Amino acid sequence: MQVAGVDGVPDGWVVCVLSGAGSPGTTVSWSVEPDAAAVLARTRDCGAVGVDIPIGLPSGPARRACDVATAARLGRARSSVFPAPPREVLAATSHPDACAMAREVTGKAISLQTFQIGAKIREWDALDAVPATVVEAHPELSLRTLAPDVAFVPKKTARGLGQRIAALARWVDPALALADLPARTRLDDVLDALAVSWTAARWLRGEAETLGDETDARGRPMRVVV
């Protein structure tokens, strides 16, 4: 079984590909890809790919049901959920313009953090097609499902990073997975990619839960898989 996890980094996307995932002979390979098209090329042989980015986008005032459900499941960690902006808002080139456009469409401005990931969302939205093997996942939700007994603290802290490494040890040996990381990555982004690779494996095995069951105006699924 070959699966992958993908998370955004400043100059592209960090990708982990796991072969024999979940077995004693698991191998993990890492790369940083420049754009979404390169991610698809890198993961073309994977049975499932978890990506931490919205795939389907809303086109009106209502939030995606999957964003609402994910925030509810995360509880105190709901601030890690950035609701997917309407497709129209992605065309804005500045945060003030994005806020003005969002107010026209939804009645509310968007956060600076949501605007800042807009370019990443546009990459995936610009693809002619997204393979059915690619599923949207949320790292914090993946981690809390993998290790429901852990009271996770923020991932930017030493304790939070330690908690996440320990939790992911239930999925893959950290000494194996983290032994040879790409230079242009941060540890929290790497751990997020590993977390959504776990969700990808659950999806491939038919064990995953799906939050939200909508389709956007382009026919793309608006859901979060865990």
Protein backbone atom coordinates (compact mmCIF):
# COMPACT_ATOMS: atom_id res chain seq x y z
CA MET A 1 0.00 0.00 0.00
CA GLN A 2 1.37 3.39 -1.02
CA VAL A 3 -0.18 6.57 0.38
CA ALA A 4 0.89 10.18 0.69
CA GLY A 5 0.39 13.23 2.87
CA VAL A 6 0.76 16.82 1.65
CA ASP A 7 1.07 20.12 3.49
CA GLY A 8 1.91 23.62 2.32
CA VAL A 9 5.33 25.20 2.91
CA PRO A 10 6.46 28.72 1.95
CA ASP A 11 7.95 27.71 -1.41
CA GLY A 12 5.65 24.85 -2.35
CA TRP A 13 4.36 21.65 -0.80
CA VAL A 14 6.02 19.08 1.40
CA VAL A 15 5.08 15.55 0.37
CA CYS A 16 5.63 12.31 2.24
CA VAL A 17 5.07 9.05 0.37
CA LEU A 18 4.77 5.90 2.47
CA SER A 19 5.21 2.48 0.90
CA GLY A 20 3.96 -0.51 2.84
CA ALA A 21 2.24 1.93 5.17
CA GLY A 22 1.32 0.46 8.52
CA SER A 23 3.56 -2.59 8.12
CA PRO A 24 6.96 -3.32 9.70
CA GLY A 25 8.63 -2.72 6.33
CA THR A 26 7.27 0.79 5.85
CA THR A 27 9.47 3.17 3.88
CA VAL A 28 9.03 6.95 3.89
CA SER A 29 10.30 9.32 1.23
CA TRP A 30 10.09 13.11 1.31
CA SER A 31 10.16 15.86 -1.28
CA VAL A 32 9.23 19.50 -1.67
CA GLU A 33 7.20 20.13 -4.83
CA PRO A 34 6.81 23.60 -6.34
CA ASP A 35 3.08 23.48 -7.09
CA ALA A 36 -0.08 21.40 -7.04
CA ALA A 37 0.54 19.91 -10.48
CA ALA A 38 3.94 18.67 -9.35
CA VAL A 39 2.32 17.16 -6.24
CA LEU A 40 -0.05 15.16 -8.44
CA ALA A 41 2.87 13.96 -10.56
CA ARG A 42 4.82 12.91 -7.46
CA THR A 43 1.87 11.00 -5.99
CA ARG A 44 0.43 9.48 -9.16
CA ASP A 45 1.18 5.94 -7.97
CA CYS A 46 -0.44 6.39 -4.56
CA GLY A 47 -3.72 4.74 -3.72
CA ALA A 48 -4.74 7.74 -1.61
CA VAL A 49 -3.35 11.21 -0.94
CA GLY A 50 -4.31 13.41 2.00
CA VAL A 51 -3.95 17.15 1.35
CA ASP A 52 -4.29 19.94 3.89
CA ILE A 53 -6.04 22.43 1.58
CA PRO A 54 -9.65 23.05 0.55
CA ILE A 55 -10.56 21.16 -2.63
CA GLY A 56 -14.19 22.17 -3.18
CA LEU A 57 -15.09 25.84 -2.67
CA PRO A 58 -18.32 27.59 -1.71
CA SER A 59 -19.89 30.10 -4.07
CA GLY A 60 -22.34 31.88 -1.80
CA PRO A 61 -22.83 33.14 1.76
CA ALA A 62 -23.02 29.75 3.48
CA ARG A 63 -19.91 28.15 5.00
CA ARG A 64 -19.00 24.67 3.88
CA ALA A 65 -20.66 22.09 6.10
CA CYS A 66 -17.32 20.30 6.46
CA ASP A 67 -15.67 23.43 7.90
CA VAL A 68 -18.47 23.81 10.43
CA ALA A 69 -18.26 20.14 11.40
CA THR A 70 -14.46 20.16 11.63
CA ALA A 71 -14.46 23.23 13.88
CA ALA A 72 -17.09 21.62 16.11
CA ARG A 73 -15.07 18.41 16.41
CA LEU A 74 -11.88 20.31 17.28
CA GLY A 75 -13.47 22.26 20.11
CA ARG A 76 -10.82 24.45 21.70
CA ALA A 77 -8.57 23.94 18.69
CA ARG A 78 -11.21 25.27 16.27
CA SER A 79 -9.00 28.29 15.52
CA SER A 80 -6.88 25.99 13.34
CA VAL A 81 -9.80 25.77 10.88
CA PHE A 82 -9.73 28.49 8.23
CA PRO A 83 -13.13 28.37 6.50
CA ALA A 84 -12.71 28.02 2.75
CA PRO A 85 -13.41 31.36 1.08
CA PRO A 86 -15.88 31.64 -1.82
CA ARG A 87 -14.21 31.11 -5.18
CA GLU A 88 -14.88 34.74 -6.15
CA VAL A 89 -12.78 36.01 -3.23
CA LEU A 90 -9.67 34.18 -4.42
CA ALA A 91 -9.27 36.68 -7.25
CA ALA A 92 -8.49 39.52 -4.81
CA THR A 93 -4.85 40.63 -4.72
CA SER A 94 -4.89 42.34 -1.31
CA HIS A 95 -6.45 41.57 2.04
CA PRO A 96 -8.63 44.72 2.03
CA ASP A 97 -9.92 43.83 -1.45
CA ALA A 98 -10.56 40.25 -0.36
CA CYS A 99 -12.48 41.50 2.67
CA ALA A 100 -14.58 43.83 0.52
CA MET A 101 -15.40 41.05 -1.92
CA ALA A 102 -16.14 38.61 0.88
CA ARG A 103 -18.55 41.10 2.45
CA GLU A 104 -20.39 41.36 -0.87
CA VAL A 105 -20.71 37.58 -1.14
CA THR A 106 -21.08 36.46 2.47
CA GLY A 107 -21.69 39.57 4.53
CA LYS A 108 -18.42 39.04 6.42
CA ALA A 109 -14.74 39.82 5.89
CA ILE A 110 -12.14 37.06 5.80
CA SER A 111 -9.21 36.71 8.18
CA LEU A 112 -5.68 37.63 7.18
CA GLN A 113 -4.64 33.98 7.65
CA THR A 114 -7.32 32.82 5.22
CA PHE A 115 -6.24 35.43 2.69
CA GLN A 116 -2.61 34.37 3.04
CA ILE A 117 -3.38 30.79 2.04
CA GLY A 118 -5.44 31.98 -0.92
CA ALA A 119 -2.59 31.44 -3.38
CA LYS A 120 -2.27 27.83 -2.23
CA ILE A 121 -6.01 27.27 -2.66
CA ARG A 122 -5.90 28.83 -6.15
CA GLU A 123 -3.25 26.31 -7.22
CA TRP A 124 -5.56 23.40 -6.58
CA ASP A 125 -8.63 25.19 -7.89
CA ALA A 126 -6.79 25.95 -11.14
CA LEU A 127 -6.18 22.26 -11.88
CA ASP A 128 -8.31 20.87 -14.68
CA ALA A 129 -9.17 17.92 -12.45
CA VAL A 130 -8.33 16.56 -9.02
CA PRO A 131 -7.99 12.75 -8.96
CA ALA A 132 -10.47 10.81 -6.84
CA THR A 133 -7.48 9.49 -4.89
CA VAL A 134 -6.87 12.98 -3.46
CA VAL A 135 -8.86 13.85 -0.35
CA GLU A 136 -8.97 16.96 1.79
CA ALA A 137 -7.83 16.33 5.35
CA HIS A 138 -7.12 18.43 8.43
CA PRO A 139 -3.94 17.56 10.38
CA GLU A 140 -5.24 18.57 13.82
CA LEU A 141 -8.38 16.51 13.31
CA SER A 142 -6.29 13.58 12.06
CA LEU A 143 -4.04 13.73 15.10
CA ARG A 144 -6.90 13.93 17.57
CA THR A 145 -8.56 10.96 15.92
CA LEU A 146 -5.32 8.98 15.89
CA ALA A 147 -4.60 9.81 19.55
CA PRO A 148 -7.89 10.72 21.26
CA ASP A 149 -6.29 10.34 24.70
CA VAL A 150 -3.82 13.20 24.15
CA ALA A 151 -4.64 16.78 25.22
CA PHE A 152 -2.68 18.47 22.44
CA VAL A 153 -1.17 21.90 23.01
CA PRO A 154 -0.22 24.27 20.15
CA LYS A 155 2.11 22.76 17.58
CA LYS A 156 4.51 25.70 17.63
CA THR A 157 5.62 24.79 21.17
CA ALA A 158 8.24 22.18 22.08
CA ARG A 159 5.66 20.25 24.09
CA GLY A 160 3.20 20.36 21.22
CA LEU A 161 5.76 19.05 18.75
CA GLY A 162 6.72 16.29 21.16
CA GLN A 163 3.08 15.29 21.59
CA ARG A 164 2.60 15.09 17.84
CA ILE A 165 5.73 13.00 17.28
CA ALA A 166 4.63 10.61 20.02
CA ALA A 167 1.12 10.36 18.58
CA LEU A 168 2.41 9.71 15.06
CA ALA A 169 4.55 6.88 16.44
CA ARG A 170 1.27 4.95 16.51
CA TRP A 171 1.29 5.26 12.72
CA VAL A 172 4.95 5.12 11.68
CA ASP A 173 8.31 4.91 13.48
CA PRO A 174 9.49 8.53 13.95
CA ALA A 175 13.14 7.42 13.74
CA LEU A 176 12.37 6.15 10.26
CA ALA A 177 9.98 8.86 9.15
CA LEU A 178 11.99 11.88 10.33
CA ALA A 179 15.51 10.68 9.62
CA ASP A 180 16.00 12.44 6.27
CA LEU A 181 13.80 15.51 5.85
CA PRO A 182 14.01 18.07 3.03
CA ALA A 183 16.00 21.16 3.94
CA ARG A 184 13.24 23.62 3.02
CA THR A 185 10.71 22.42 5.60
CA ARG A 186 9.63 23.14 9.15
CA LEU A 187 9.02 20.36 11.61
CA ASP A 188 5.38 21.27 12.22
CA ASP A 189 4.64 21.16 8.46
CA VAL A 190 6.35 17.77 8.17
CA LEU A 191 4.29 16.39 11.05
CA ASP A 192 1.11 17.75 9.47
CA ALA A 193 1.94 15.91 6.23
CA LEU A 194 2.49 12.69 8.17
CA ALA A 195 -0.80 13.17 9.99
CA VAL A 196 -2.84 13.49 6.81
CA SER A 197 -1.02 10.50 5.31
CA TRP A 198 -2.57 8.49 8.16
CA THR A 199 -5.98 9.74 7.10
CA ALA A 200 -5.19 8.83 3.48
CA ALA A 201 -4.46 5.26 4.56
CA ARG A 202 -7.77 5.11 6.43
CA TRP A 203 -9.53 6.35 3.30
CA LEU A 204 -7.85 3.72 1.16
CA ARG A 205 -8.88 0.98 3.59
CA GLY A 206 -12.47 2.21 3.65
CA GLU A 207 -12.26 3.10 7.34
CA ALA A 208 -12.34 6.90 7.16
CA GLU A 209 -15.13 9.16 8.31
CA THR A 210 -16.31 11.97 6.05
CA LEU A 211 -17.39 15.35 7.42
CA GLY A 212 -19.65 17.18 5.01
CA ASP A 213 -21.16 15.78 1.85
CA GLU A 214 -21.58 18.65 -0.59
CA THR A 215 -20.45 19.40 -4.13
CA ASP A 216 -19.29 22.80 -5.31
CA ALA A 217 -20.25 24.61 -8.52
CA ARG A 218 -17.48 22.81 -10.42
CA GLY A 219 -18.55 19.40 -9.19
CA ARG A 220 -15.72 19.03 -6.68
CA PRO A 221 -16.42 17.52 -3.26
CA MET A 222 -16.65 19.81 -0.27
CA ARG A 223 -15.69 17.41 2.53
CA VAL A 224 -13.02 16.74 5.12
CA VAL A 225 -11.90 13.15 5.52
CA VAL A 226 -10.59 11.79 8.82
